[in-house]
């Protein structure tokens, strides 16, 4: 029983580190993607949408030259 508890605690710690790392990556992405000037933080979904739009716009700019 004790071994299972230790394994579960270790798995929980790994998952917590994974999620913290993912959230840090989203925060870094939010810092470089233009926002709409809202005071609220973009959701993960909104951040990905904005990143996709921004990348497409940059690509289009490069294609013009």
Protein backbone atom coordinates (compact mmCIF):
# COMPACT_ATOMS: atom_id res chain seq x y z
CA UNK A 1 0.00 0.00 0.00
CA UNK A 2 2.79 2.43 0.91
CA UNK A 3 4.55 1.80 -2.41
CA UNK A 4 1.40 2.66 -4.33
CA UNK A 5 0.99 5.89 -2.39
CA UNK A 6 4.58 6.91 -3.13
CA UNK A 7 4.10 6.13 -6.81
CA UNK A 8 0.91 8.19 -6.91
CA UNK A 9 2.63 11.11 -5.16
CA UNK A 10 5.53 10.91 -7.62
CA UNK A 11 3.14 10.78 -10.58
CA UNK A 12 1.23 13.78 -9.22
CA UNK A 13 4.48 15.72 -8.83
CA UNK A 14 5.50 14.89 -12.41
CA UNK A 15 2.13 15.99 -13.74
CA UNK A 16 2.28 19.21 -11.72
CA UNK A 17 5.74 19.96 -13.19
CA UNK A 18 4.47 19.16 -16.68
CA UNK A 19 1.50 21.49 -16.31
CA UNK A 20 3.64 24.25 -14.82
CA UNK A 21 6.01 23.94 -17.76
CA UNK A 22 3.12 24.08 -20.22
CA UNK A 23 1.64 27.13 -18.50
CA UNK A 24 5.04 28.85 -18.55
CA UNK A 25 5.27 28.20 -22.28
CA UNK A 26 1.83 29.75 -22.81
CA UNK A 27 2.89 32.78 -20.78
CA UNK A 28 5.98 33.20 -22.97
CA UNK A 29 3.84 32.87 -26.09
CA UNK A 30 1.40 35.49 -24.77
CA UNK A 31 4.36 37.85 -24.31
CA UNK A 32 5.32 37.73 -28.00
CA UNK A 33 1.93 37.49 -29.68
CA UNK A 34 0.13 40.81 -30.19
CA UNK A 35 -3.01 41.05 -28.11
CA UNK A 36 -6.18 43.00 -28.68
CA UNK A 37 -5.36 45.42 -25.89
CA UNK A 38 -7.58 43.69 -23.36
CA UNK A 39 -6.56 43.87 -19.74
CA UNK A 40 -7.46 40.25 -19.21
CA UNK A 41 -5.11 37.40 -19.95
CA UNK A 42 -5.87 35.47 -23.13
CA UNK A 43 -7.02 31.90 -22.64
CA UNK A 44 -4.86 29.08 -23.96
CA UNK A 45 -7.21 28.66 -26.90
CA UNK A 46 -7.21 32.39 -27.65
CA UNK A 47 -3.43 32.47 -27.37
CA UNK A 48 -3.09 29.69 -29.92
CA UNK A 49 -5.58 31.40 -32.23
CA UNK A 50 -3.70 34.70 -31.99
CA UNK A 51 -0.38 32.96 -32.58
CA UNK A 52 -1.77 31.25 -35.67
CA UNK A 53 -3.14 34.53 -37.02
CA UNK A 54 0.11 36.35 -36.25
CA UNK A 55 2.24 33.70 -37.95
CA UNK A 56 -0.02 33.80 -41.02
CA UNK A 57 0.26 37.61 -41.15
CA UNK A 58 4.04 37.46 -40.87
CA UNK A 59 4.15 34.82 -43.59
CA UNK A 60 2.04 37.01 -45.85
CA UNK A 61 4.35 39.96 -45.23
CA UNK A 62 7.35 37.88 -46.21
CA UNK A 63 5.62 36.69 -49.38
CA UNK A 64 5.07 40.28 -50.54
CA UNK A 65 8.77 41.04 -50.82
